[in-house]
Amino acid sequence: MLELRHISKSYSKEQQVFTDLSYILKSGEYVAIMGDSGVGKSTLLNLIAGLDFPDSGEVLIDGTTMSQLDDEMATLFRRKALGFIFQSFHILPHLTVSQNVALPLLLNGLPGNRANTLLAEVGLQGRENDFPDQLSGGELQRVAIARALVHQPKLILADEPTGNLDPATAHEILQLIRNEIKKNSASGILVTHSQTAAATADYILTLTPQGLIPAKASPNP
């Protein structure tokens, strides 16, 4: 599903993020990526999504080379194939909670009824008609998660998806993400500092300047 071929990225001669990074993620696999702050975990997700570009190497998603897509094609591809959970949520303030979650369905020409189902899954049943300014940070994070999952994407990229959630809610959300990946034969990458969150993935990898280093297998192989 995802192939990273000899990816290198730097921001200056003095700030090399990683060099010659290669990895293959198959359909149905769910991996957690951990690593020190500043090592480039969020940068790697942005490269995979085509929101940024490597200095060298290629990112292929389902056989499509991201660097070969123009801006419009890349946007259309991301809209259909990817679900990205950002740390900063990116919730649209002028849309209701339900409208925010339904947006990927609308853009992809899909029925909108799954939006409220996902809101119930993340514990926001009854808040469908509220606006974002009526929600807490943790609730906004759950809206963002529902929106990323609603169109059943083939690749889910989650950047610290439970940072604003209490432990019980975080556990439920992590199980939901895992279940959606497995149910839809999708693939998923979870970036996290939390060992507890990482343990919900099939495998744990550590990102270093030398690449992705396998850690111990999680309890969910």
C-alpha atoms as a PDB file:
ATOM      1  CA  MET A   1       0.000   0.000   0.000  1.00  0.00           C
ATOM      2  CA  LEU A   2       2.784   2.434   0.987  1.00  0.00           C
ATOM      3  CA  GLU A   3       6.377   2.317  -0.168  1.00  0.00           C
ATOM      4  CA  LEU A   4       9.109   4.738   0.854  1.00  0.00           C
ATOM      5  CA  ARG A   5      12.080   4.487  -1.479  1.00  0.00           C
ATOM      6  CA  HIS A   6      15.355   5.982  -0.215  1.00  0.00           C
ATOM      7  CA  ILE A   7      13.774   9.125   1.238  1.00  0.00           C
ATOM      8  CA  SER A   8      16.084  11.929   2.368  1.00  0.00           C
ATOM      9  CA  LYS A   9      15.010  15.235   3.874  1.00  0.00           C
ATOM     10  CA  SER A  10      16.880  18.209   5.297  1.00  0.00           C
ATOM     11  CA  TYR A  11      16.035  21.811   6.103  1.00  0.00           C
ATOM     12  CA  SER A  12      19.621  23.040   5.848  1.00  0.00           C
ATOM     13  CA  LYS A  13      23.131  21.636   5.648  1.00  0.00           C
ATOM     14  CA  GLU A  14      23.132  21.627   9.435  1.00  0.00           C
ATOM     15  CA  GLN A  15      19.642  20.137   9.839  1.00  0.00           C
ATOM     16  CA  GLN A  16      19.433  16.749   8.166  1.00  0.00           C
ATOM     17  CA  VAL A  17      16.174  15.066   9.198  1.00  0.00           C
ATOM     18  CA  PHE A  18      16.780  11.590   7.787  1.00  0.00           C
ATOM     19  CA  THR A  19      18.769   9.991   4.989  1.00  0.00           C
ATOM     20  CA  ASP A  20      18.015   7.098   2.634  1.00  0.00           C
ATOM     21  CA  LEU A  21      14.894   5.990   4.525  1.00  0.00           C
ATOM     22  CA  SER A  22      13.053   3.019   3.002  1.00  0.00           C
ATOM     23  CA  TYR A  23      10.010   1.154   4.245  1.00  0.00           C
ATOM     24  CA  ILE A  24       7.048  -0.868   2.916  1.00  0.00           C
ATOM     25  CA  LEU A  25       3.661  -0.855   4.657  1.00  0.00           C
ATOM     26  CA  LYS A  26       1.237  -3.487   3.385  1.00  0.00           C
ATOM     27  CA  SER A  27      -2.551  -3.359   3.262  1.00  0.00           C
ATOM     28  CA  GLY A  28      -4.041  -4.265   6.631  1.00  0.00           C
ATOM     29  CA  GLU A  29      -0.922  -3.297   8.575  1.00  0.00           C
ATOM     30  CA  TYR A  30      -0.954  -0.730  11.371  1.00  0.00           C
ATOM     31  CA  VAL A  31       2.348   0.603  12.688  1.00  0.00           C
ATOM     32  CA  ALA A  32       3.280   3.080  15.401  1.00  0.00           C
ATOM     33  CA  ILE A  33       6.255   5.389  14.936  1.00  0.00           C
ATOM     34  CA  MET A  34       8.013   6.725  17.991  1.00  0.00           C
ATOM     35  CA  GLY A  35      11.185   8.754  18.433  1.00  0.00           C
ATOM     36  CA  ASP A  36      12.729  11.757  20.113  1.00  0.00           C
ATOM     37  CA  SER A  37      11.161  15.186  19.699  1.00  0.00           C
ATOM     38  CA  GLY A  38      12.453  16.880  16.559  1.00  0.00           C
ATOM     39  CA  VAL A  39      13.547  13.668  14.866  1.00  0.00           C
ATOM     40  CA  GLY A  40      11.070  14.213  12.028  1.00  0.00           C
ATOM     41  CA  LYS A  41       7.974  12.110  12.786  1.00  0.00           C
ATOM     42  CA  SER A  42       5.476  14.761  11.671  1.00  0.00           C
ATOM     43  CA  THR A  43       7.728  15.644   8.733  1.00  0.00           C
ATOM     44  CA  LEU A  44       7.608  12.023   7.605  1.00  0.00           C
ATOM     45  CA  LEU A  45       3.792  12.029   7.682  1.00  0.00           C
ATOM     46  CA  ASN A  46       3.730  15.236   5.621  1.00  0.00           C
ATOM     47  CA  LEU A  47       6.062  13.664   3.063  1.00  0.00           C
ATOM     48  CA  ILE A  48       3.879  10.568   2.826  1.00  0.00           C
ATOM     49  CA  ALA A  49       0.772  12.709   2.304  1.00  0.00           C
ATOM     50  CA  GLY A  50       2.439  14.837  -0.355  1.00  0.00           C
ATOM     51  CA  LEU A  51       2.126  17.976   1.767  1.00  0.00           C
ATOM     52  CA  ASP A  52       5.911  18.303   1.614  1.00  0.00           C
ATOM     53  CA  PHE A  53       8.496  16.764  -0.686  1.00  0.00           C
ATOM     54  CA  PRO A  54      11.675  14.804  -0.008  1.00  0.00           C
ATOM     55  CA  ASP A  55      15.028  16.089  -1.221  1.00  0.00           C
ATOM     56  CA  SER A  56      15.509  12.716  -2.871  1.00  0.00           C
ATOM     57  CA  GLY A  57      13.678   9.415  -3.076  1.00  0.00           C
ATOM     58  CA  GLU A  58      10.066   8.554  -3.800  1.00  0.00           C
ATOM     59  CA  VAL A  59       6.811   8.012  -1.919  1.00  0.00           C
ATOM     60  CA  LEU A  60       4.394   5.564  -3.533  1.00  0.00           C
ATOM     61  CA  ILE A  61       0.836   5.035  -2.288  1.00  0.00           C
ATOM     62  CA  ASP A  62      -1.094   2.197  -3.871  1.00  0.00           C
ATOM     63  CA  GLY A  63       1.325   2.337  -6.813  1.00  0.00           C
ATOM     64  CA  THR A  64       1.005   6.109  -7.302  1.00  0.00           C
ATOM     65  CA  THR A  65       4.206   8.151  -7.062  1.00  0.00           C
ATOM     66  CA  MET A  66       3.242  11.270  -5.129  1.00  0.00           C
ATOM     67  CA  SER A  67       5.936  13.506  -6.656  1.00  0.00           C
ATOM     68  CA  GLN A  68       4.550  12.865 -10.153  1.00  0.00           C
ATOM     69  CA  LEU A  69       1.158  14.392  -9.301  1.00  0.00           C
ATOM     70  CA  ASP A  70       0.468  18.059  -9.920  1.00  0.00           C
ATOM     71  CA  ASP A  71      -1.244  20.061  -7.187  1.00  0.00           C
ATOM     72  CA  GLU A  72      -4.784  19.315  -8.374  1.00  0.00           C
ATOM     73  CA  MET A  73      -4.158  15.612  -8.861  1.00  0.00           C
ATOM     74  CA  ALA A  74      -2.440  15.356  -5.475  1.00  0.00           C
ATOM     75  CA  THR A  75      -5.393  17.050  -3.783  1.00  0.00           C
ATOM     76  CA  LEU A  76      -7.873  14.697  -5.439  1.00  0.00           C
ATOM     77  CA  PHE A  77      -5.746  11.674  -4.555  1.00  0.00           C
ATOM     78  CA  ARG A  78      -5.402  12.694  -0.894  1.00  0.00           C
ATOM     79  CA  ARG A  79      -9.124  13.450  -0.702  1.00  0.00           C
ATOM     80  CA  LYS A  80     -10.016   9.911  -1.744  1.00  0.00           C
ATOM     81  CA  ALA A  81      -7.221   7.687  -0.441  1.00  0.00           C
ATOM     82  CA  LEU A  82      -5.958   9.351   2.749  1.00  0.00           C
ATOM     83  CA  GLY A  83      -7.303  10.118   6.180  1.00  0.00           C
ATOM     84  CA  PHE A  84      -4.986  12.525   8.025  1.00  0.00           C
ATOM     85  CA  ILE A  85      -5.442  13.294  11.726  1.00  0.00           C
ATOM     86  CA  PHE A  86      -3.502  16.509  12.384  1.00  0.00           C
ATOM     87  CA  GLN A  87      -2.316  17.690  15.784  1.00  0.00           C
ATOM     88  CA  SER A  88      -3.909  21.077  15.089  1.00  0.00           C
ATOM     89  CA  PHE A  89      -7.330  19.618  14.095  1.00  0.00           C
ATOM     90  CA  HIS A  90      -8.072  21.989  11.131  1.00  0.00           C
ATOM     91  CA  ILE A  91     -11.785  22.076  11.964  1.00  0.00           C
ATOM     92  CA  LEU A  92     -13.725  24.614   9.874  1.00  0.00           C
ATOM     93  CA  PRO A  93     -15.365  27.107  12.281  1.00  0.00           C
ATOM     94  CA  HIS A  94     -18.296  28.070  10.018  1.00  0.00           C
ATOM     95  CA  LEU A  95     -19.525  24.457   9.661  1.00  0.00           C
ATOM     96  CA  THR A  96     -21.378  22.421  12.249  1.00  0.00           C
ATOM     97  CA  VAL A  97     -19.746  19.362  13.793  1.00  0.00           C
ATOM     98  CA  SER A  98     -21.714  17.062  11.491  1.00  0.00           C
ATOM     99  CA  GLN A  99     -20.895  19.141   8.424  1.00  0.00           C
ATOM    100  CA  ASN A 100     -17.182  19.064   9.279  1.00  0.00           C
ATOM    101  CA  VAL A 101     -17.207  15.289   9.543  1.00  0.00           C
ATOM    102  CA  ALA A 102     -19.289  14.883   6.382  1.00  0.00           C
ATOM    103  CA  LEU A 103     -16.973  17.085   4.300  1.00  0.00           C
ATOM    104  CA  PRO A 104     -14.832  14.206   2.907  1.00  0.00           C
ATOM    105  CA  LEU A 105     -18.018  12.396   1.914  1.00  0.00           C
ATOM    106  CA  LEU A 106     -19.328  15.487   0.117  1.00  0.00           C
ATOM    107  CA  LEU A 107     -16.033  16.080  -1.682  1.00  0.00           C
ATOM    108  CA  ASN A 108     -15.865  12.453  -2.790  1.00  0.00           C
ATOM    109  CA  GLY A 109     -19.494  12.305  -3.910  1.00  0.00           C
ATOM    110  CA  LEU A 110     -20.442   9.773  -1.219  1.00  0.00           C
ATOM    111  CA  PRO A 111     -23.634   9.556   0.888  1.00  0.00           C
ATOM    112  CA  GLY A 112     -23.409  11.649   4.049  1.00  0.00           C
ATOM    113  CA  ASN A 113     -25.195   9.356   6.493  1.00  0.00           C
ATOM    114  CA  ARG A 114     -21.961   7.852   7.855  1.00  0.00           C
ATOM    115  CA  ALA A 115     -20.969  11.176   9.441  1.00  0.00           C
ATOM    116  CA  ASN A 116     -23.351  10.907  12.393  1.00  0.00           C
ATOM    117  CA  THR A 117     -22.454   7.233  12.824  1.00  0.00           C
ATOM    118  CA  LEU A 118     -18.790   8.201  13.253  1.00  0.00           C
ATOM    119  CA  LEU A 119     -19.709  11.024  15.642  1.00  0.00           C
ATOM    120  CA  ALA A 120     -21.487   8.496  17.825  1.00  0.00           C
ATOM    121  CA  GLU A 121     -18.431   6.215  17.623  1.00  0.00           C
ATOM    122  CA  VAL A 122     -16.225   8.995  19.034  1.00  0.00           C
ATOM    123  CA  GLY A 123     -18.707   9.851  21.785  1.00  0.00           C
ATOM    124  CA  LEU A 124     -20.243  12.992  20.289  1.00  0.00           C
ATOM    125  CA  GLN A 125     -23.781  11.804  19.679  1.00  0.00           C
ATOM    126  CA  GLY A 126     -26.150  14.731  20.206  1.00  0.00           C
ATOM    127  CA  ARG A 127     -23.526  17.335  19.290  1.00  0.00           C
ATOM    128  CA  GLU A 128     -24.075  17.102  15.535  1.00  0.00           C
ATOM    129  CA  ASN A 129     -25.513  20.612  15.162  1.00  0.00           C
ATOM    130  CA  ASP A 130     -23.083  22.363  17.474  1.00  0.00           C
ATOM    131  CA  PHE A 131     -20.399  24.635  16.060  1.00  0.00           C
ATOM    132  CA  PRO A 132     -16.688  24.170  16.796  1.00  0.00           C
ATOM    133  CA  ASP A 133     -16.535  27.119  19.206  1.00  0.00           C
ATOM    134  CA  GLN A 134     -18.968  25.231  21.454  1.00  0.00           C
ATOM    135  CA  LEU A 135     -16.573  22.274  21.843  1.00  0.00           C
ATOM    136  CA  SER A 136     -13.573  21.654  24.058  1.00  0.00           C
ATOM    137  CA  GLY A 137     -10.132  20.816  22.710  1.00  0.00           C
ATOM    138  CA  GLY A 138     -10.671  17.130  23.346  1.00  0.00           C
ATOM    139  CA  GLU A 139     -14.031  17.215  21.575  1.00  0.00           C
ATOM    140  CA  LEU A 140     -12.512  18.997  18.580  1.00  0.00           C
ATOM    141  CA  GLN A 141      -9.872  16.290  18.408  1.00  0.00           C
ATOM    142  CA  ARG A 142     -12.581  13.659  18.267  1.00  0.00           C
ATOM    143  CA  VAL A 143     -14.305  15.554  15.444  1.00  0.00           C
ATOM    144  CA  ALA A 144     -11.021  15.545  13.526  1.00  0.00           C
ATOM    145  CA  ILE A 145     -10.649  11.808  14.055  1.00  0.00           C
ATOM    146  CA  ALA A 146     -14.199  11.105  12.876  1.00  0.00           C
ATOM    147  CA  ARG A 147     -13.610  13.243   9.790  1.00  0.00           C
ATOM    148  CA  ALA A 148     -10.394  11.367   8.943  1.00  0.00           C
ATOM    149  CA  LEU A 149     -12.140   7.998   9.145  1.00  0.00           C
ATOM    150  CA  VAL A 150     -15.556   8.776   7.672  1.00  0.00           C
ATOM    151  CA  HIS A 151     -14.764   8.070   3.991  1.00  0.00           C
ATOM    152  CA  GLN A 152     -13.009   4.776   4.810  1.00  0.00           C
ATOM    153  CA  PRO A 153      -9.612   5.793   3.400  1.00  0.00           C
ATOM    154  CA  LYS A 154      -7.042   3.213   2.404  1.00  0.00           C
ATOM    155  CA  LEU A 155      -4.231   4.951   4.325  1.00  0.00           C
ATOM    156  CA  ILE A 156      -4.725   6.585   7.727  1.00  0.00           C
ATOM    157  CA  LEU A 157      -2.033   8.918   9.069  1.00  0.00           C
ATOM    158  CA  ALA A 158      -2.503   9.875  12.718  1.00  0.00           C
ATOM    159  CA  ASP A 159      -0.232  12.485  14.319  1.00  0.00           C
ATOM    160  CA  GLU A 160      -0.600  12.267  18.122  1.00  0.00           C
ATOM    161  CA  PRO A 161      -4.364  11.653  17.786  1.00  0.00           C
ATOM    162  CA  THR A 162      -5.070  11.328  21.511  1.00  0.00           C
ATOM    163  CA  GLY A 163      -2.961  14.164  22.908  1.00  0.00           C
ATOM    164  CA  ASN A 164      -5.973  16.068  24.278  1.00  0.00           C
ATOM    165  CA  LEU A 165      -7.988  13.078  25.478  1.00  0.00           C
ATOM    166  CA  ASP A 166      -8.354  11.486  28.891  1.00  0.00           C
ATOM    167  CA  PRO A 167      -6.997   7.908  29.159  1.00  0.00           C
ATOM    168  CA  ALA A 168     -10.380   6.162  28.920  1.00  0.00           C
ATOM    169  CA  THR A 169     -11.466   8.137  25.849  1.00  0.00           C
ATOM    170  CA  ALA A 170      -8.018   7.745  24.292  1.00  0.00           C
ATOM    171  CA  HIS A 171      -8.271   3.974  24.639  1.00  0.00           C
ATOM    172  CA  GLU A 172     -11.662   3.932  22.907  1.00  0.00           C
ATOM    173  CA  ILE A 173     -10.438   6.182  20.084  1.00  0.00           C
ATOM    174  CA  LEU A 174      -7.304   4.107  19.501  1.00  0.00           C
ATOM    175  CA  GLN A 175      -9.394   0.958  19.302  1.00  0.00           C
ATOM    176  CA  LEU A 176     -11.717   2.681  16.821  1.00  0.00           C
ATOM    177  CA  ILE A 177      -8.787   3.659  14.595  1.00  0.00           C
ATOM    178  CA  ARG A 178      -7.413   0.126  14.741  1.00  0.00           C
ATOM    179  CA  ASN A 179     -10.812  -1.420  14.026  1.00  0.00           C
ATOM    180  CA  GLU A 180     -11.410   0.848  11.020  1.00  0.00           C
ATOM    181  CA  ILE A 181      -8.012  -0.096   9.573  1.00  0.00           C
ATOM    182  CA  LYS A 182      -8.619  -3.817   9.998  1.00  0.00           C
ATOM    183  CA  LYS A 183     -12.267  -3.763   8.892  1.00  0.00           C
ATOM    184  CA  ASN A 184     -11.487  -1.903   5.665  1.00  0.00           C
ATOM    185  CA  SER A 185      -8.169  -3.674   4.910  1.00  0.00           C
ATOM    186  CA  ALA A 186      -6.589  -0.227   5.054  1.00  0.00           C
ATOM    187  CA  SER A 187      -3.132   0.684   6.351  1.00  0.00           C
ATOM    188  CA  GLY A 188      -2.291   3.005   9.207  1.00  0.00           C
ATOM    189  CA  ILE A 189       0.593   4.944  10.698  1.00  0.00           C
ATOM    190  CA  LEU A 190       0.312   6.282  14.240  1.00  0.00           C
ATOM    191  CA  VAL A 191       2.878   8.857  15.360  1.00  0.00           C
ATOM    192  CA  THR A 192       2.966   9.070  19.130  1.00  0.00           C
ATOM    193  CA  HIS A 193       5.106   9.648  22.210  1.00  0.00           C
ATOM    194  CA  SER A 194       2.868   7.311  24.214  1.00  0.00           C
ATOM    195  CA  GLN A 195       3.950   3.709  24.743  1.00  0.00           C
ATOM    196  CA  THR A 196       0.355   2.882  25.657  1.00  0.00           C
ATOM    197  CA  ALA A 197      -0.936   4.284  22.362  1.00  0.00           C
ATOM    198  CA  ALA A 198       1.838   2.613  20.368  1.00  0.00           C
ATOM    199  CA  ALA A 199       0.951  -0.758  21.878  1.00  0.00           C
ATOM    200  CA  THR A 200      -2.379  -0.721  19.992  1.00  0.00           C
ATOM    201  CA  ALA A 201      -0.531  -1.018  16.671  1.00  0.00           C
ATOM    202  CA  ASP A 202       0.739  -4.218  15.075  1.00  0.00           C
ATOM    203  CA  TYR A 203       4.356  -3.074  15.160  1.00  0.00           C
ATOM    204  CA  ILE A 204       6.351  -0.301  16.768  1.00  0.00           C
ATOM    205  CA  LEU A 205       9.097   1.505  14.866  1.00  0.00           C
ATOM    206  CA  THR A 206      11.550   4.093  16.126  1.00  0.00           C
ATOM    207  CA  LEU A 207      12.451   6.932  13.761  1.00  0.00           C
ATOM    208  CA  THR A 208      16.124   7.885  13.906  1.00  0.00           C
ATOM    209  CA  PRO A 209      18.345   9.931  11.551  1.00  0.00           C
ATOM    210  CA  GLN A 210      19.412   6.567  10.130  1.00  0.00           C
ATOM    211  CA  GLY A 211      15.845   5.473   9.349  1.00  0.00           C
ATOM    212  CA  LEU A 212      13.056   3.390  10.873  1.00  0.00           C
ATOM    213  CA  ILE A 213      14.289   0.850  13.401  1.00  0.00           C
ATOM    214  CA  PRO A 214      11.960  -1.994  14.405  1.00  0.00           C
ATOM    215  CA  ALA A 215      11.122  -2.078  18.095  1.00  0.00           C
ATOM    216  CA  LYS A 216       9.504  -4.948  19.900  1.00  0.00           C
ATOM    217  CA  ALA A 217       6.276  -6.266  18.448  1.00  0.00           C
ATOM    218  CA  SER A 218       3.156  -4.834  20.052  1.00  0.00           C
ATOM    219  CA  PRO A 219       0.575  -7.044  21.792  1.00  0.00           C
ATOM    220  CA  ASN A 220      -1.626  -6.815  18.657  1.00  0.00           C
ATOM    221  CA  PRO A 221       0.277  -8.598  15.851  1.00  0.00           C
END
